[in-house]
Amino acid sequence: MSESMLKMWISFAGMGFLVLAIGLVILSRHKLKGIFAMIISFFAYVSLFLGGIIILYIVFSGPSI
């Protein structure tokens, strides 16, 4: 697998983490209450952080030819 293809799959994982974070935040704010909302919200913010770090890595690693 080439470096370009590997970066593509890694960026898809980062975007997946960001979409997961959106879904979990919406779930925790609108459907859940109490300790469950806090736990789901924690996982949402962790996935938001991981997705952001992955996307930053892909963007700042430069072009792959």
N, C-alpha and C. Protein backbone atom coordinates (compact mmCIF):
# COMPACT_ATOMS: atom_id res chain seq x y z
N MET A 1 0.85 -1.17 0.00
CA MET A 1 0.00 0.00 0.00
C MET A 1 0.90 1.23 0.00
N SER A 2 0.58 2.16 -0.87
CA SER A 2 1.41 3.36 -0.97
C SER A 2 1.13 4.31 0.19
N GLU A 3 2.03 5.27 0.34
CA GLU A 3 1.89 6.25 1.42
C GLU A 3 0.63 7.09 1.24
N SER A 4 0.30 7.41 0.00
CA SER A 4 -0.90 8.21 -0.27
C SER A 4 -2.17 7.47 0.14
N MET A 5 -2.24 6.20 -0.19
CA MET A 5 -3.42 5.41 0.19
C MET A 5 -3.52 5.26 1.69
N LEU A 6 -2.38 5.08 2.35
CA LEU A 6 -2.39 4.96 3.81
C LEU A 6 -2.89 6.25 4.45
N LYS A 7 -2.44 7.40 3.94
CA LYS A 7 -2.92 8.68 4.47
C LYS A 7 -4.42 8.85 4.22
N MET A 8 -4.91 8.36 3.11
CA MET A 8 -6.33 8.45 2.82
C MET A 8 -7.13 7.67 3.86
N TRP A 9 -6.72 6.44 4.15
CA TRP A 9 -7.45 5.63 5.12
C TRP A 9 -7.34 6.22 6.52
N ILE A 10 -6.19 6.77 6.87
CA ILE A 10 -6.04 7.41 8.18
C ILE A 10 -6.95 8.62 8.28
N SER A 11 -7.06 9.41 7.20
CA SER A 11 -7.94 10.57 7.23
C SER A 11 -9.40 10.15 7.32
N PHE A 12 -9.78 9.03 6.70
CA PHE A 12 -11.14 8.52 6.84
C PHE A 12 -11.42 8.15 8.30
N ALA A 13 -10.44 7.57 8.97
CA ALA A 13 -10.61 7.25 10.39
C ALA A 13 -10.79 8.53 11.21
N GLY A 14 -10.02 9.56 10.90
CA GLY A 14 -10.17 10.83 11.60
C GLY A 14 -11.54 11.44 11.39
N MET A 15 -12.02 11.40 10.14
CA MET A 15 -13.36 11.92 9.86
C MET A 15 -14.43 11.09 10.56
N GLY A 16 -14.20 9.79 10.64
CA GLY A 16 -15.13 8.92 11.36
C GLY A 16 -15.21 9.28 12.83
N PHE A 17 -14.06 9.56 13.45
CA PHE A 17 -14.05 9.99 14.85
C PHE A 17 -14.82 11.29 15.03
N LEU A 18 -14.67 12.22 14.08
CA LEU A 18 -15.37 13.50 14.18
C LEU A 18 -16.88 13.31 14.04
N VAL A 19 -17.32 12.46 13.12
CA VAL A 19 -18.75 12.19 12.97
C VAL A 19 -19.29 11.47 14.20
N LEU A 20 -18.52 10.54 14.74
CA LEU A 20 -18.91 9.86 15.98
C LEU A 20 -19.07 10.86 17.12
N ALA A 21 -18.17 11.82 17.20
CA ALA A 21 -18.26 12.83 18.25
C ALA A 21 -19.53 13.65 18.11
N ILE A 22 -19.89 14.03 16.88
CA ILE A 22 -21.12 14.78 16.67
C ILE A 22 -22.33 13.99 17.15
N GLY A 23 -22.39 12.73 16.75
CA GLY A 23 -23.52 11.89 17.15
C GLY A 23 -23.61 11.69 18.65
N LEU A 24 -22.47 11.48 19.29
CA LEU A 24 -22.48 11.26 20.74
C LEU A 24 -22.84 12.52 21.51
N VAL A 25 -22.41 13.68 21.05
CA VAL A 25 -22.77 14.92 21.73
C VAL A 25 -24.26 15.18 21.60
N ILE A 26 -24.81 14.97 20.41
CA ILE A 26 -26.25 15.15 20.23
C ILE A 26 -27.02 14.17 21.11
N LEU A 27 -26.57 12.93 21.16
CA LEU A 27 -27.22 11.93 22.00
C LEU A 27 -27.16 12.32 23.47
N SER A 28 -26.01 12.74 23.94
CA SER A 28 -25.87 13.04 25.36
C SER A 28 -26.62 14.30 25.77
N ARG A 29 -26.77 15.25 24.88
CA ARG A 29 -27.45 16.50 25.24
C ARG A 29 -28.96 16.41 25.12
N HIS A 30 -29.47 15.60 24.20
CA HIS A 30 -30.90 15.61 23.94
C HIS A 30 -31.65 14.37 24.45
N LYS A 31 -30.97 13.26 24.59
CA LYS A 31 -31.67 12.03 24.94
C LYS A 31 -31.33 11.49 26.33
N LEU A 32 -30.16 11.79 26.84
CA LEU A 32 -29.72 11.20 28.10
C LEU A 32 -29.66 12.24 29.21
N LYS A 33 -29.70 11.75 30.43
CA LYS A 33 -29.59 12.63 31.60
C LYS A 33 -28.72 11.96 32.65
N GLY A 34 -28.17 12.78 33.51
CA GLY A 34 -27.42 12.27 34.64
C GLY A 34 -26.04 11.76 34.27
N ILE A 35 -25.66 10.66 34.93
CA ILE A 35 -24.32 10.12 34.79
C ILE A 35 -24.10 9.55 33.39
N PHE A 36 -25.15 9.00 32.77
CA PHE A 36 -25.00 8.45 31.42
C PHE A 36 -24.65 9.54 30.41
N ALA A 37 -25.26 10.70 30.57
CA ALA A 37 -24.96 11.82 29.68
C ALA A 37 -23.51 12.26 29.85
N MET A 38 -23.02 12.26 31.08
CA MET A 38 -21.63 12.66 31.33
C MET A 38 -20.66 11.65 30.74
N ILE A 39 -20.95 10.37 30.86
CA ILE A 39 -20.06 9.33 30.32
C ILE A 39 -20.02 9.40 28.80
N ILE A 40 -21.18 9.50 28.16
CA ILE A 40 -21.24 9.58 26.70
C ILE A 40 -20.58 10.86 26.22
N SER A 41 -20.78 11.95 26.94
CA SER A 41 -20.16 13.22 26.58
C SER A 41 -18.64 13.12 26.68
N PHE A 42 -18.14 12.44 27.69
CA PHE A 42 -16.70 12.24 27.82
C PHE A 42 -16.14 11.49 26.61
N PHE A 43 -16.81 10.41 26.21
CA PHE A 43 -16.37 9.66 25.04
C PHE A 43 -16.46 10.50 23.77
N ALA A 44 -17.46 11.37 23.71
CA ALA A 44 -17.60 12.24 22.55
C ALA A 44 -16.42 13.20 22.45
N TYR A 45 -16.04 13.80 23.56
CA TYR A 45 -14.94 14.75 23.52
C TYR A 45 -13.59 14.06 23.31
N VAL A 46 -13.45 12.84 23.79
CA VAL A 46 -12.23 12.07 23.50
C VAL A 46 -12.13 11.77 22.01
N SER A 47 -13.24 11.35 21.41
CA SER A 47 -13.21 11.07 19.97
C SER A 47 -13.03 12.35 19.16
N LEU A 48 -13.55 13.47 19.64
CA LEU A 48 -13.31 14.75 18.97
C LEU A 48 -11.83 15.11 19.01
N PHE A 49 -11.20 14.90 20.15
CA PHE A 49 -9.77 15.18 20.29
C PHE A 49 -8.95 14.28 19.37
N LEU A 50 -9.26 12.98 19.37
CA LEU A 50 -8.51 12.04 18.52
C LEU A 50 -8.70 12.36 17.04
N GLY A 51 -9.92 12.64 16.65
CA GLY A 51 -10.19 13.00 15.26
C GLY A 51 -9.46 14.26 14.85
N GLY A 52 -9.43 15.26 15.73
CA GLY A 52 -8.71 16.50 15.44
C GLY A 52 -7.22 16.28 15.30
N ILE A 53 -6.65 15.47 16.18
CA ILE A 53 -5.21 15.19 16.11
C ILE A 53 -4.88 14.45 14.81
N ILE A 54 -5.71 13.49 14.44
CA ILE A 54 -5.46 12.74 13.21
C ILE A 54 -5.53 13.66 11.99
N ILE A 55 -6.56 14.50 11.93
CA ILE A 55 -6.69 15.41 10.79
C ILE A 55 -5.55 16.41 10.76
N LEU A 56 -5.14 16.93 11.90
CA LEU A 56 -3.99 17.84 11.93
C LEU A 56 -2.72 17.16 11.44
N TYR A 57 -2.54 15.91 11.81
CA TYR A 57 -1.37 15.16 11.34
C TYR A 57 -1.39 15.02 9.82
N ILE A 58 -2.54 14.67 9.28
CA ILE A 58 -2.65 14.48 7.84
C ILE A 58 -2.41 15.80 7.10
N VAL A 59 -2.98 16.88 7.59
CA VAL A 59 -2.86 18.16 6.93
C VAL A 59 -1.42 18.68 6.97
N PHE A 60 -0.79 18.58 8.13
CA PHE A 60 0.55 19.15 8.27
C PHE A 60 1.67 18.20 7.85
N SER A 61 1.35 16.96 7.48
CA SER A 61 2.41 16.05 7.03
C SER A 61 2.81 16.33 5.59
N GLY A 62 2.05 17.16 4.91
CA GLY A 62 2.44 17.57 3.57
C GLY A 62 1.91 16.64 2.51
N PRO A 63 2.17 17.01 1.27
CA PRO A 63 1.68 16.16 0.17
C PRO A 63 2.49 14.89 0.04
N SER A 64 1.82 13.86 -0.40
CA SER A 64 2.51 12.59 -0.65
C SER A 64 2.35 12.27 -2.12
N ILE A 65 3.46 12.13 -2.78
CA ILE A 65 3.44 11.93 -4.23
C ILE A 65 3.88 10.52 -4.55
